[in-house]
Amino acid sequence: MNYYDPKVITYHEKLARELFYKGYNCAQSVFVAFSDLTGYGEEEAARLASSFGGGMCGLRTTCGSVTSMLMVLGALRGYSAPGNHAEKVAHYADGKMLGDEFSSLFGTIICRELLVGIKTSPVPSERTEEYYKKRPCVRFCAAASNILDNFLTEKGYDIEKHERSSID
């Protein structure tokens, strides 16, 4: 199933972009954007997701946008009963499918591979105009949010969407 829709810009996609440009890391941008659905306040959501930016605190492993996409999935549709194997299987299948969708767009979910050719450091970079010009991370935040919004719409959530204009 393809959930990424390049023809629409979703509410959470737009919000994740705005949050990233405010200085939040990739993981925070996605997780905070979905606060209206998860019930976490902005500060609490930002703290919960803070360690996942830079592919897990700068380790450049799983992209923080993907991690937060899955954190939102868990907050909204996760399982909690350790003995309920069927719920666990279904949840993992949904999460794998969302991760695969992201990977099909960018070739990977691994931060260091998404940033190939860009000099990075495990120390977070200052957010400057130059940083925003060379880092593609906002695209990853937007795509993860778009994918998740379209998935959640299919599952019955009411997500605001608009036609994408040529300036988006």
N, C-alpha and C. Protein backbone atom coordinates (compact mmCIF):
# COMPACT_ATOMS: atom_id res chain seq x y z
N MET A 1 0.85 -1.19 0.00
CA MET A 1 0.00 0.00 0.00
C MET A 1 0.88 1.24 0.00
N ASN A 2 0.57 2.21 -0.82
CA ASN A 2 1.33 3.46 -0.84
C ASN A 2 0.57 4.53 -0.07
N TYR A 3 1.20 5.03 0.97
CA TYR A 3 0.57 6.06 1.78
C TYR A 3 1.11 7.45 1.49
N TYR A 4 2.31 7.55 0.95
CA TYR A 4 2.84 8.87 0.63
C TYR A 4 2.07 9.43 -0.56
N ASP A 5 1.55 10.63 -0.40
CA ASP A 5 0.79 11.27 -1.47
C ASP A 5 1.43 12.60 -1.81
N PRO A 6 2.18 12.66 -2.91
CA PRO A 6 2.85 13.91 -3.26
C PRO A 6 1.90 15.02 -3.70
N LYS A 7 0.63 14.69 -3.92
CA LYS A 7 -0.34 15.69 -4.39
C LYS A 7 -0.95 16.51 -3.26
N VAL A 8 -0.83 16.03 -2.03
CA VAL A 8 -1.42 16.75 -0.91
C VAL A 8 -0.37 17.07 0.14
N ILE A 9 -0.60 18.16 0.84
CA ILE A 9 0.20 18.47 2.01
C ILE A 9 -0.73 18.31 3.20
N THR A 10 -0.32 17.49 4.14
CA THR A 10 -1.17 17.20 5.28
C THR A 10 -0.88 18.17 6.43
N TYR A 11 -1.81 18.24 7.34
CA TYR A 11 -1.67 19.12 8.50
C TYR A 11 -0.38 18.86 9.26
N HIS A 12 -0.12 17.60 9.58
CA HIS A 12 1.06 17.27 10.39
C HIS A 12 2.35 17.43 9.60
N GLU A 13 2.29 17.22 8.30
CA GLU A 13 3.46 17.45 7.44
C GLU A 13 3.85 18.92 7.49
N LYS A 14 2.88 19.80 7.32
CA LYS A 14 3.14 21.25 7.36
C LYS A 14 3.68 21.63 8.74
N LEU A 15 3.08 21.12 9.79
CA LEU A 15 3.51 21.44 11.14
C LEU A 15 4.92 20.91 11.42
N ALA A 16 5.23 19.70 10.98
CA ALA A 16 6.57 19.14 11.18
C ALA A 16 7.64 20.00 10.51
N ARG A 17 7.34 20.48 9.31
CA ARG A 17 8.27 21.40 8.62
C ARG A 17 8.51 22.65 9.46
N GLU A 18 7.42 23.25 9.93
CA GLU A 18 7.53 24.47 10.72
C GLU A 18 8.34 24.24 11.99
N LEU A 19 8.09 23.13 12.65
CA LEU A 19 8.82 22.81 13.88
C LEU A 19 10.31 22.60 13.62
N PHE A 20 10.63 21.93 12.51
CA PHE A 20 12.04 21.72 12.17
C PHE A 20 12.73 23.07 11.96
N TYR A 21 12.07 23.97 11.27
CA TYR A 21 12.66 25.30 11.02
C TYR A 21 12.71 26.17 12.27
N LYS A 22 11.99 25.77 13.32
CA LYS A 22 12.09 26.48 14.61
C LYS A 22 13.31 26.02 15.38
N GLY A 23 13.90 24.89 14.97
CA GLY A 23 15.08 24.39 15.66
C GLY A 23 14.94 23.03 16.31
N TYR A 24 13.76 22.45 16.25
CA TYR A 24 13.61 21.08 16.77
C TYR A 24 14.38 20.11 15.89
N ASN A 25 14.85 19.00 16.47
CA ASN A 25 15.50 17.98 15.65
C ASN A 25 14.44 17.21 14.87
N CYS A 26 14.88 16.33 14.00
CA CYS A 26 13.96 15.60 13.12
C CYS A 26 12.92 14.81 13.92
N ALA A 27 13.36 14.10 14.93
CA ALA A 27 12.46 13.28 15.72
C ALA A 27 11.45 14.14 16.48
N GLN A 28 11.92 15.21 17.08
CA GLN A 28 11.03 16.12 17.79
C GLN A 28 10.01 16.75 16.84
N SER A 29 10.46 17.13 15.67
CA SER A 29 9.57 17.79 14.71
C SER A 29 8.37 16.91 14.37
N VAL A 30 8.61 15.64 14.14
CA VAL A 30 7.52 14.72 13.81
C VAL A 30 6.67 14.41 15.04
N PHE A 31 7.30 14.07 16.14
CA PHE A 31 6.52 13.66 17.32
C PHE A 31 5.71 14.81 17.89
N VAL A 32 6.31 16.00 17.96
CA VAL A 32 5.57 17.16 18.47
C VAL A 32 4.42 17.52 17.52
N ALA A 33 4.64 17.37 16.22
CA ALA A 33 3.59 17.69 15.24
C ALA A 33 2.31 16.90 15.50
N PHE A 34 2.45 15.69 16.00
CA PHE A 34 1.29 14.82 16.22
C PHE A 34 0.75 14.91 17.65
N SER A 35 1.17 15.92 18.41
CA SER A 35 0.72 16.07 19.80
C SER A 35 -0.79 16.18 19.92
N ASP A 36 -1.43 16.75 18.90
CA ASP A 36 -2.88 16.87 18.96
C ASP A 36 -3.56 15.51 19.00
N LEU A 37 -2.93 14.51 18.42
CA LEU A 37 -3.50 13.15 18.41
C LEU A 37 -3.00 12.30 19.58
N THR A 38 -1.72 12.45 19.94
CA THR A 38 -1.16 11.60 20.99
C THR A 38 -1.57 12.05 22.38
N GLY A 39 -1.89 13.33 22.51
CA GLY A 39 -2.27 13.86 23.82
C GLY A 39 -1.09 14.38 24.64
N TYR A 40 0.12 14.23 24.13
CA TYR A 40 1.27 14.79 24.83
C TYR A 40 1.33 16.29 24.57
N GLY A 41 1.71 17.06 25.58
CA GLY A 41 1.94 18.48 25.38
C GLY A 41 3.22 18.68 24.58
N GLU A 42 3.39 19.87 24.03
CA GLU A 42 4.57 20.13 23.19
C GLU A 42 5.87 19.89 23.94
N GLU A 43 5.97 20.38 25.17
CA GLU A 43 7.20 20.22 25.94
C GLU A 43 7.49 18.75 26.24
N GLU A 44 6.47 18.03 26.67
CA GLU A 44 6.65 16.61 26.99
C GLU A 44 7.00 15.81 25.73
N ALA A 45 6.31 16.09 24.63
CA ALA A 45 6.60 15.39 23.37
C ALA A 45 8.02 15.68 22.91
N ALA A 46 8.45 16.93 23.03
CA ALA A 46 9.80 17.30 22.62
C ALA A 46 10.85 16.58 23.47
N ARG A 47 10.60 16.48 24.78
CA ARG A 47 11.54 15.76 25.65
C ARG A 47 11.59 14.28 25.29
N LEU A 48 10.41 13.65 25.10
CA LEU A 48 10.37 12.22 24.78
C LEU A 48 11.13 11.89 23.49
N ALA A 49 11.04 12.78 22.50
CA ALA A 49 11.66 12.51 21.20
C ALA A 49 13.09 13.05 21.09
N SER A 50 13.53 13.82 22.07
CA SER A 50 14.81 14.52 21.95
C SER A 50 16.01 13.62 21.71
N SER A 51 16.02 12.43 22.23
CA SER A 51 17.18 11.54 22.09
C SER A 51 17.26 10.84 20.74
N PHE A 52 16.21 10.96 19.93
CA PHE A 52 16.17 10.21 18.68
C PHE A 52 16.62 11.02 17.46
N GLY A 53 16.90 12.30 17.64
CA GLY A 53 17.41 13.11 16.54
C GLY A 53 18.82 12.69 16.16
N GLY A 54 19.19 12.98 14.92
CA GLY A 54 20.53 12.60 14.46
C GLY A 54 20.71 11.10 14.40
N GLY A 55 19.62 10.38 14.19
CA GLY A 55 19.72 8.93 14.12
C GLY A 55 20.11 8.33 15.46
N MET A 56 19.48 8.73 16.53
CA MET A 56 19.71 8.29 17.91
C MET A 56 20.91 9.02 18.50
N CYS A 57 20.70 10.25 18.91
CA CYS A 57 21.73 11.07 19.57
C CYS A 57 23.01 11.22 18.74
N GLY A 58 22.85 11.35 17.43
CA GLY A 58 24.02 11.56 16.58
C GLY A 58 24.74 10.29 16.17
N LEU A 59 24.23 9.12 16.52
CA LEU A 59 24.86 7.86 16.12
C LEU A 59 24.65 7.58 14.63
N ARG A 60 23.70 8.30 14.02
CA ARG A 60 23.38 8.18 12.59
C ARG A 60 22.84 6.79 12.23
N THR A 61 22.06 6.22 13.14
CA THR A 61 21.40 4.93 12.85
C THR A 61 20.01 5.24 12.29
N THR A 62 18.94 4.73 12.87
CA THR A 62 17.60 4.96 12.30
C THR A 62 17.25 6.45 12.33
N CYS A 63 16.79 6.94 11.19
CA CYS A 63 16.39 8.34 11.06
C CYS A 63 15.37 8.70 12.14
N GLY A 64 15.57 9.83 12.78
CA GLY A 64 14.66 10.27 13.83
C GLY A 64 13.24 10.49 13.34
N SER A 65 13.07 10.87 12.09
CA SER A 65 11.72 11.05 11.53
C SER A 65 10.98 9.72 11.50
N VAL A 66 11.69 8.66 11.15
CA VAL A 66 11.09 7.32 11.11
C VAL A 66 10.81 6.85 12.53
N THR A 67 11.76 7.05 13.43
CA THR A 67 11.56 6.64 14.81
C THR A 67 10.31 7.30 15.39
N SER A 68 10.16 8.60 15.16
CA SER A 68 8.99 9.29 15.71
C SER A 68 7.70 8.89 15.01
N MET A 69 7.77 8.59 13.72
CA MET A 69 6.59 8.07 13.03
C MET A 69 6.11 6.81 13.74
N LEU A 70 7.05 5.96 14.13
CA LEU A 70 6.69 4.72 14.81
C LEU A 70 6.28 4.96 16.27
N MET A 71 6.86 5.98 16.90
CA MET A 71 6.43 6.34 18.26
C MET A 71 4.98 6.81 18.26
N VAL A 72 4.61 7.61 17.26
CA VAL A 72 3.22 8.05 17.15
C VAL A 72 2.31 6.85 16.89
N LEU A 73 2.74 5.97 16.00
CA LEU A 73 1.96 4.75 15.74
C LEU A 73 1.72 4.00 17.04
N GLY A 74 2.76 3.84 17.85
CA GLY A 74 2.62 3.14 19.12
C GLY A 74 1.70 3.86 20.09
N ALA A 75 1.83 5.17 20.15
CA ALA A 75 0.98 5.95 21.06
C ALA A 75 -0.49 5.83 20.69
N LEU A 76 -0.77 5.76 19.39
CA LEU A 76 -2.16 5.74 18.93
C LEU A 76 -2.73 4.34 18.73
N ARG A 77 -1.89 3.41 18.29
CA ARG A 77 -2.40 2.11 17.87
C ARG A 77 -1.56 0.94 18.39
N GLY A 78 -0.72 1.22 19.38
CA GLY A 78 0.17 0.19 19.90
C GLY A 78 -0.56 -0.83 20.76
N TYR A 79 0.12 -1.90 21.06
CA TYR A 79 -0.43 -2.93 21.94
C TYR A 79 0.17 -2.75 23.33
N SER A 80 -0.53 -3.20 24.34
CA SER A 80 0.00 -3.05 25.70
C SER A 80 0.00 -4.37 26.48
N ALA A 81 -0.77 -5.33 26.04
CA ALA A 81 -0.84 -6.62 26.74
C ALA A 81 0.29 -7.51 26.25
N PRO A 82 1.25 -7.84 27.12
CA PRO A 82 2.40 -8.62 26.67
C PRO A 82 2.04 -9.99 26.10
N GLY A 83 0.93 -10.55 26.50
CA GLY A 83 0.54 -11.87 26.02
C GLY A 83 -0.31 -11.86 24.76
N ASN A 84 -0.64 -10.69 24.24
CA ASN A 84 -1.50 -10.64 23.06
C ASN A 84 -0.65 -10.66 21.79
N HIS A 85 -0.34 -11.86 21.37
CA HIS A 85 0.55 -12.06 20.22
C HIS A 85 -0.05 -11.50 18.93
N ALA A 86 -1.33 -11.67 18.74
CA ALA A 86 -1.98 -11.20 17.51
C ALA A 86 -1.87 -9.68 17.37
N GLU A 87 -2.11 -8.93 18.47
CA GLU A 87 -1.96 -7.47 18.43
C GLU A 87 -0.53 -7.08 18.13
N LYS A 88 0.42 -7.78 18.72
CA LYS A 88 1.84 -7.49 18.51
C LYS A 88 2.20 -7.70 17.03
N VAL A 89 1.76 -8.81 16.47
CA VAL A 89 2.05 -9.13 15.07
C VAL A 89 1.46 -8.05 14.16
N ALA A 90 0.21 -7.67 14.42
CA ALA A 90 -0.45 -6.65 13.59
C ALA A 90 0.25 -5.30 13.71
N HIS A 91 0.64 -4.94 14.93
CA HIS A 91 1.32 -3.67 15.15
C HIS A 91 2.68 -3.64 14.44
N TYR A 92 3.44 -4.69 14.57
CA TYR A 92 4.75 -4.75 13.90
C TYR A 92 4.57 -4.69 12.38
N ALA A 93 3.54 -5.33 11.87
CA ALA A 93 3.29 -5.30 10.42
C ALA A 93 3.00 -3.87 9.96
N ASP A 94 2.19 -3.14 10.72
CA ASP A 94 1.92 -1.74 10.38
C ASP A 94 3.20 -0.91 10.43
N GLY A 95 3.97 -1.07 11.48
CA GLY A 95 5.22 -0.32 11.62
C GLY A 95 6.22 -0.64 10.52
N LYS A 96 6.35 -1.91 10.18
CA LYS A 96 7.25 -2.31 9.10
C LYS A 96 6.81 -1.71 7.78
N MET A 97 5.50 -1.75 7.54
CA MET A 97 4.98 -1.19 6.30
C MET A 97 5.26 0.31 6.20
N LEU A 98 5.09 1.05 7.30
CA LEU A 98 5.38 2.48 7.29
C LEU A 98 6.86 2.74 7.05
N GLY A 99 7.71 1.98 7.71
CA GLY A 99 9.16 2.11 7.50
C GLY A 99 9.56 1.77 6.08
N ASP A 100 8.95 0.72 5.53
CA ASP A 100 9.24 0.33 4.14
C ASP A 100 8.80 1.42 3.17
N GLU A 101 7.68 2.06 3.46
CA GLU A 101 7.19 3.15 2.60
C GLU A 101 8.20 4.30 2.58
N PHE A 102 8.71 4.67 3.75
CA PHE A 102 9.72 5.72 3.83
C PHE A 102 10.97 5.30 3.05
N SER A 103 11.40 4.07 3.26
CA SER A 103 12.58 3.55 2.57
C SER A 103 12.39 3.52 1.06
N SER A 104 11.18 3.25 0.60
CA SER A 104 10.95 3.23 -0.84
C SER A 104 11.10 4.62 -1.46
N LEU A 105 10.86 5.66 -0.66
CA LEU A 105 11.02 7.04 -1.15
C LEU A 105 12.48 7.47 -1.19
N PHE A 106 13.25 7.05 -0.17
CA PHE A 106 14.61 7.57 0.00
C PHE A 106 15.71 6.52 -0.08
N GLY A 107 15.33 5.26 -0.24
CA GLY A 107 16.32 4.19 -0.38
C GLY A 107 16.81 3.59 0.91
N THR A 108 16.43 4.17 2.04
CA THR A 108 16.90 3.70 3.34
C THR A 108 16.15 4.41 4.45
N ILE A 109 16.27 3.89 5.66
CA ILE A 109 15.78 4.59 6.85
C ILE A 109 16.96 4.96 7.75
N ILE A 110 18.17 4.72 7.29
CA ILE A 110 19.38 4.95 8.08
C ILE A 110 19.89 6.38 7.87
N CYS A 111 20.01 7.11 8.95
CA CYS A 111 20.40 8.52 8.91
C CYS A 111 21.70 8.74 8.11
N ARG A 112 22.76 8.00 8.41
CA ARG A 112 24.04 8.24 7.74
C ARG A 112 23.96 8.00 6.24
N GLU A 113 23.05 7.11 5.82
CA GLU A 113 22.87 6.86 4.39
C GLU A 113 22.00 7.95 3.75
N LEU A 114 21.05 8.48 4.51
CA LEU A 114 20.23 9.58 4.02
C LEU A 114 21.07 10.85 3.85
N LEU A 115 22.10 10.98 4.67
CA LEU A 115 22.95 12.18 4.65
C LEU A 115 24.28 11.94 3.95
N VAL A 116 24.37 10.90 3.14
CA VAL A 116 25.62 10.60 2.45
C VAL A 116 26.08 11.83 1.67
N GLY A 117 27.37 12.12 1.78
CA GLY A 117 27.94 13.27 1.09
C GLY A 117 27.87 14.57 1.87
N ILE A 118 27.19 14.54 3.01
CA ILE A 118 27.09 15.72 3.85
C ILE A 118 27.94 15.48 5.10
N LYS A 119 28.84 16.41 5.38
CA LYS A 119 29.69 16.27 6.57
C LYS A 119 28.82 16.41 7.81
N THR A 120 28.88 15.40 8.67
CA THR A 120 28.10 15.41 9.90
C THR A 120 29.02 15.17 11.08
N SER A 121 28.49 15.40 12.25
CA SER A 121 29.21 15.20 13.50
C SER A 121 28.22 14.64 14.51
N PRO A 122 28.70 13.87 15.49
CA PRO A 122 27.78 13.41 16.53
C PRO A 122 27.31 14.56 17.43
N VAL A 123 27.99 15.71 17.34
CA VAL A 123 27.59 16.89 18.10
C VAL A 123 26.55 17.64 17.26
N PRO A 124 25.40 17.97 17.83
CA PRO A 124 24.38 18.66 17.05
C PRO A 124 24.91 19.97 16.47
N SER A 125 24.54 20.23 15.24
CA SER A 125 24.96 21.46 14.55
C SER A 125 24.09 22.63 14.98
N GLU A 126 24.70 23.80 14.99
CA GLU A 126 23.93 25.02 15.20
C GLU A 126 22.97 25.18 14.04
N ARG A 127 21.77 25.63 14.31
CA ARG A 127 20.77 25.83 13.26
C ARG A 127 20.94 27.22 12.67
N THR A 128 21.57 27.24 11.52
CA THR A 128 21.83 28.47 10.80
C THR A 128 21.19 28.40 9.42
N GLU A 129 21.18 29.51 8.73
CA GLU A 129 20.64 29.52 7.37
C GLU A 129 21.41 28.53 6.50
N GLU A 130 22.71 28.44 6.67
CA GLU A 130 23.54 27.51 5.90
C GLU A 130 23.18 26.06 6.22
N TYR A 131 22.94 25.77 7.49
CA TYR A 131 22.53 24.43 7.90
C TYR A 131 21.27 24.02 7.15
N TYR A 132 20.26 24.89 7.16
CA TYR A 132 18.99 24.56 6.52
C TYR A 132 19.13 24.43 5.01
N LYS A 133 20.07 25.12 4.42
CA LYS A 133 20.28 25.03 2.97
C LYS A 133 20.85 23.67 2.56
N LYS A 134 21.76 23.13 3.38
CA LYS A 134 22.44 21.90 2.96
C LYS A 134 21.85 20.61 3.52
N ARG A 135 21.06 20.70 4.58
CA ARG A 135 20.49 19.49 5.20
C ARG A 135 19.13 19.15 4.59
N PRO A 136 18.95 17.92 4.13
CA PRO A 136 17.66 17.51 3.57
C PRO A 136 16.66 17.02 4.63
N CYS A 137 17.00 17.14 5.89
CA CYS A 137 16.21 16.52 6.96
C CYS A 137 14.75 16.97 6.98
N VAL A 138 14.48 18.21 6.61
CA VAL A 138 13.10 18.68 6.62
C VAL A 138 12.25 17.85 5.66
N ARG A 139 12.84 17.39 4.56
CA ARG A 139 12.12 16.52 3.62
C ARG A 139 11.75 15.20 4.28
N PHE A 140 12.62 14.68 5.12
CA PHE A 140 12.36 13.42 5.80
C PHE A 140 11.25 13.59 6.84
N CYS A 141 11.27 14.72 7.56
CA CYS A 141 10.20 15.02 8.53
C CYS A 141 8.86 15.10 7.81
N ALA A 142 8.85 15.81 6.69
CA ALA A 142 7.62 16.00 5.92
C ALA A 142 7.10 14.67 5.38
N ALA A 143 7.98 13.88 4.80
CA ALA A 143 7.55 12.60 4.21
C ALA A 143 7.02 11.65 5.28
N ALA A 144 7.72 11.53 6.40
CA ALA A 144 7.25 10.64 7.47
C ALA A 144 5.87 11.08 7.96
N SER A 145 5.67 12.37 8.09
CA SER A 145 4.38 12.89 8.54
C SER A 145 3.28 12.66 7.51
N ASN A 146 3.61 12.85 6.24
CA ASN A 146 2.65 12.62 5.16
C ASN A 146 2.23 11.14 5.12
N ILE A 147 3.21 10.27 5.19
CA ILE A 147 2.93 8.82 5.19
C ILE A 147 2.00 8.47 6.36
N LEU A 148 2.36 8.94 7.55
CA LEU A 148 1.58 8.60 8.74
C LEU A 148 0.19 9.21 8.68
N ASP A 149 0.08 10.44 8.22
CA ASP A 149 -1.25 11.06 8.10
C ASP A 149 -2.15 10.26 7.17
N ASN A 150 -1.63 9.85 6.05
CA ASN A 150 -2.45 9.09 5.10
C ASN A 150 -2.80 7.71 5.63
N PHE A 151 -1.90 7.08 6.35
CA PHE A 151 -2.19 5.81 7.00
C PHE A 151 -3.29 5.99 8.04
N LEU A 152 -3.15 7.02 8.87
CA LEU A 152 -4.13 7.25 9.93
C LEU A 152 -5.50 7.63 9.36
N THR A 153 -5.51 8.34 8.24
CA THR A 153 -6.77 8.65 7.58
C THR A 153 -7.49 7.37 7.19
N GLU A 154 -6.73 6.44 6.64
CA GLU A 154 -7.32 5.14 6.27
C GLU A 154 -7.88 4.41 7.48
N LYS A 155 -7.27 4.64 8.64
CA LYS A 155 -7.71 3.96 9.86
C LYS A 155 -8.81 4.72 10.59
N GLY A 156 -9.31 5.81 9.98
CA GLY A 156 -10.46 6.50 10.55
C GLY A 156 -10.17 7.82 11.24
N TYR A 157 -8.92 8.25 11.28
CA TYR A 157 -8.60 9.55 11.88
C TYR A 157 -8.92 10.65 10.89
N ASP A 158 -9.39 11.77 11.40
CA ASP A 158 -9.74 12.91 10.56
C ASP A 158 -8.53 13.84 10.47
N ILE A 159 -7.82 13.77 9.35
CA ILE A 159 -6.60 14.55 9.15
C ILE A 159 -6.84 15.59 8.07
N GLU A 160 -6.51 16.82 8.37
CA GLU A 160 -6.66 17.91 7.41
C GLU A 160 -5.62 17.78 6.29
N LYS A 161 -6.10 17.94 5.05
CA LYS A 161 -5.22 17.84 3.88
C LYS A 161 -5.57 18.95 2.90
N HIS A 162 -4.57 19.40 2.15
CA HIS A 162 -4.75 20.44 1.14
C HIS A 162 -3.99 20.06 -0.11
N GLU A 163 -4.47 20.53 -1.25
CA GLU A 163 -3.72 20.33 -2.49
C GLU A 163 -2.35 20.98 -2.33
N ARG A 164 -1.34 20.28 -2.79
CA ARG A 164 0.02 20.82 -2.72
C ARG A 164 0.17 21.85 -3.84
N SER A 165 0.66 23.02 -3.50
CA SER A 165 0.89 24.04 -4.52
C SER A 165 2.32 23.93 -5.04
N SER A 166 2.60 24.65 -6.06
CA SER A 166 3.94 24.57 -6.65
C SER A 166 5.01 25.17 -5.75
N ILE A 167 4.60 25.91 -4.70
CA ILE A 167 5.60 26.51 -3.80
C ILE A 167 5.92 25.65 -2.59
N ASP A 168 5.21 24.54 -2.40
CA ASP A 168 5.45 23.69 -1.21
C ASP A 168 6.71 22.88 -1.36
